[in-house]
Amino acid sequence: MTPSGPPEGSLDCVGLFCPEPLFQTREALDALEEGDVLEVLADDPAAEEDLTRFVKRTGHEMVSIEDQDDYKRFLIRKRH
């Protein structure tokens, strides 16, 4: 299921490196309600693997990963 509108939260982690994008993503998800979508922008080469592993381990849903010009855009749906 893809988001029907803009994400409920947005996090710009461009320029930040591991583990900062992961820490900030965890904090941002904690502040959202179940079913809300968080947009995360990151250019850290480790971000895709780190965030994908985090989402799987914590039971959230990776809605999409999009390549932008010089960063990736992750959409994560909060579960539970």
C-alpha atoms as a PDB file:
ATOM      1  CA  MET A   1       0.000   0.000   0.000  1.00  0.00           C
ATOM      2  CA  THR A   2       1.441   3.353  -0.977  1.00  0.00           C
ATOM      3  CA  PRO A   3       0.797   6.596   0.856  1.00  0.00           C
ATOM      4  CA  SER A   4      -2.247   8.501  -0.374  1.00  0.00           C
ATOM      5  CA  GLY A   5      -0.925  11.943   0.499  1.00  0.00           C
ATOM      6  CA  PRO A   6       2.114  13.680   1.888  1.00  0.00           C
ATOM      7  CA  PRO A   7       3.962  11.875   4.678  1.00  0.00           C
ATOM      8  CA  GLU A   8       3.014  12.766   8.243  1.00  0.00           C
ATOM      9  CA  GLY A   9       6.683  13.294   9.103  1.00  0.00           C
ATOM     10  CA  SER A  10       9.811  14.281   7.206  1.00  0.00           C
ATOM     11  CA  LEU A  11      13.419  13.888   8.232  1.00  0.00           C
ATOM     12  CA  ASP A  12      16.365  15.393   6.330  1.00  0.00           C
ATOM     13  CA  CYS A  13      19.479  13.353   7.117  1.00  0.00           C
ATOM     14  CA  VAL A  14      21.455  14.464   4.052  1.00  0.00           C
ATOM     15  CA  GLY A  15      25.033  15.075   5.146  1.00  0.00           C
ATOM     16  CA  LEU A  16      24.724  12.858   8.234  1.00  0.00           C
ATOM     17  CA  PHE A  17      26.518   9.549   8.528  1.00  0.00           C
ATOM     18  CA  CYS A  18      25.951   6.279  10.363  1.00  0.00           C
ATOM     19  CA  PRO A  19      24.577   5.908  12.923  1.00  0.00           C
ATOM     20  CA  GLU A  20      22.898   9.344  12.996  1.00  0.00           C
ATOM     21  CA  PRO A  21      20.230   8.718  10.267  1.00  0.00           C
ATOM     22  CA  LEU A  22      19.178   5.537  12.069  1.00  0.00           C
ATOM     23  CA  PHE A  23      18.960   7.248  15.482  1.00  0.00           C
ATOM     24  CA  GLN A  24      16.963  10.154  14.078  1.00  0.00           C
ATOM     25  CA  THR A  25      14.637   7.809  12.166  1.00  0.00           C
ATOM     26  CA  ARG A  26      13.912   5.837  15.345  1.00  0.00           C
ATOM     27  CA  GLU A  27      13.119   9.032  17.292  1.00  0.00           C
ATOM     28  CA  ALA A  28      10.922  10.412  14.493  1.00  0.00           C
ATOM     29  CA  LEU A  29       8.934   7.154  14.239  1.00  0.00           C
ATOM     30  CA  ASP A  30       8.400   7.147  18.002  1.00  0.00           C
ATOM     31  CA  ALA A  31       6.681  10.545  17.675  1.00  0.00           C
ATOM     32  CA  LEU A  32       4.239   9.333  14.980  1.00  0.00           C
ATOM     33  CA  GLU A  33       0.970   7.435  15.267  1.00  0.00           C
ATOM     34  CA  GLU A  34       0.519   3.883  13.976  1.00  0.00           C
ATOM     35  CA  GLY A  35      -0.089   3.942  10.216  1.00  0.00           C
ATOM     36  CA  ASP A  36       1.652   7.297   9.713  1.00  0.00           C
ATOM     37  CA  VAL A  37       4.366   7.564   7.069  1.00  0.00           C
ATOM     38  CA  LEU A  38       7.804   9.050   7.686  1.00  0.00           C
ATOM     39  CA  GLU A  39       9.868  10.413   4.799  1.00  0.00           C
ATOM     40  CA  VAL A  40      13.629  10.109   5.340  1.00  0.00           C
ATOM     41  CA  LEU A  41      16.144  11.747   3.004  1.00  0.00           C
ATOM     42  CA  ALA A  42      19.697  10.404   3.318  1.00  0.00           C
ATOM     43  CA  ASP A  43      22.909  10.331   1.314  1.00  0.00           C
ATOM     44  CA  ASP A  44      24.913   8.053   3.612  1.00  0.00           C
ATOM     45  CA  PRO A  45      25.925   4.980   1.568  1.00  0.00           C
ATOM     46  CA  ALA A  46      25.019   2.756   4.549  1.00  0.00           C
ATOM     47  CA  ALA A  47      21.542   4.279   5.008  1.00  0.00           C
ATOM     48  CA  GLU A  48      19.657   1.881   2.732  1.00  0.00           C
ATOM     49  CA  GLU A  49      21.015  -1.227   4.415  1.00  0.00           C
ATOM     50  CA  ASP A  50      20.729   0.259   7.925  1.00  0.00           C
ATOM     51  CA  LEU A  51      17.172   1.532   7.516  1.00  0.00           C
ATOM     52  CA  THR A  52      15.967  -1.614   5.731  1.00  0.00           C
ATOM     53  CA  ARG A  53      17.372  -3.790   8.513  1.00  0.00           C
ATOM     54  CA  PHE A  54      15.910  -1.500  11.217  1.00  0.00           C
ATOM     55  CA  VAL A  55      12.436  -1.527   9.617  1.00  0.00           C
ATOM     56  CA  LYS A  56      12.430  -5.311   9.307  1.00  0.00           C
ATOM     57  CA  ARG A  57      13.699  -5.834  12.864  1.00  0.00           C
ATOM     58  CA  THR A  58      11.173  -3.451  14.430  1.00  0.00           C
ATOM     59  CA  GLY A  59       8.130  -4.522  12.400  1.00  0.00           C
ATOM     60  CA  HIS A  60       7.575  -1.282  10.508  1.00  0.00           C
ATOM     61  CA  GLU A  61       6.965  -1.197   6.725  1.00  0.00           C
ATOM     62  CA  MET A  62       9.368   0.137   4.084  1.00  0.00           C
ATOM     63  CA  VAL A  63       6.857   1.609   1.636  1.00  0.00           C
ATOM     64  CA  SER A  64       9.430   2.724  -0.931  1.00  0.00           C
ATOM     65  CA  ILE A  65      13.050   3.596  -1.585  1.00  0.00           C
ATOM     66  CA  GLU A  66      13.599   6.137  -4.354  1.00  0.00           C
ATOM     67  CA  ASP A  67      16.882   7.241  -5.881  1.00  0.00           C
ATOM     68  CA  GLN A  68      17.022  11.016  -6.171  1.00  0.00           C
ATOM     69  CA  ASP A  69      19.911  12.966  -7.731  1.00  0.00           C
ATOM     70  CA  ASP A  70      22.420  12.623  -4.895  1.00  0.00           C
ATOM     71  CA  TYR A  71      20.429  11.032  -2.072  1.00  0.00           C
ATOM     72  CA  LYS A  72      17.769   8.411  -1.410  1.00  0.00           C
ATOM     73  CA  ARG A  73      14.190   9.017  -0.265  1.00  0.00           C
ATOM     74  CA  PHE A  74      12.757   6.403   2.083  1.00  0.00           C
ATOM     75  CA  LEU A  75       9.081   6.172   3.010  1.00  0.00           C
ATOM     76  CA  ILE A  76       8.495   4.174   6.203  1.00  0.00           C
ATOM     77  CA  ARG A  77       5.064   3.349   7.591  1.00  0.00           C
ATOM     78  CA  LYS A  78       4.890   3.047  11.373  1.00  0.00           C
ATOM     79  CA  ARG A  79       3.457  -0.242  12.592  1.00  0.00           C
ATOM     80  CA  HIS A  80       2.469  -0.967  16.220  1.00  0.00           C
END
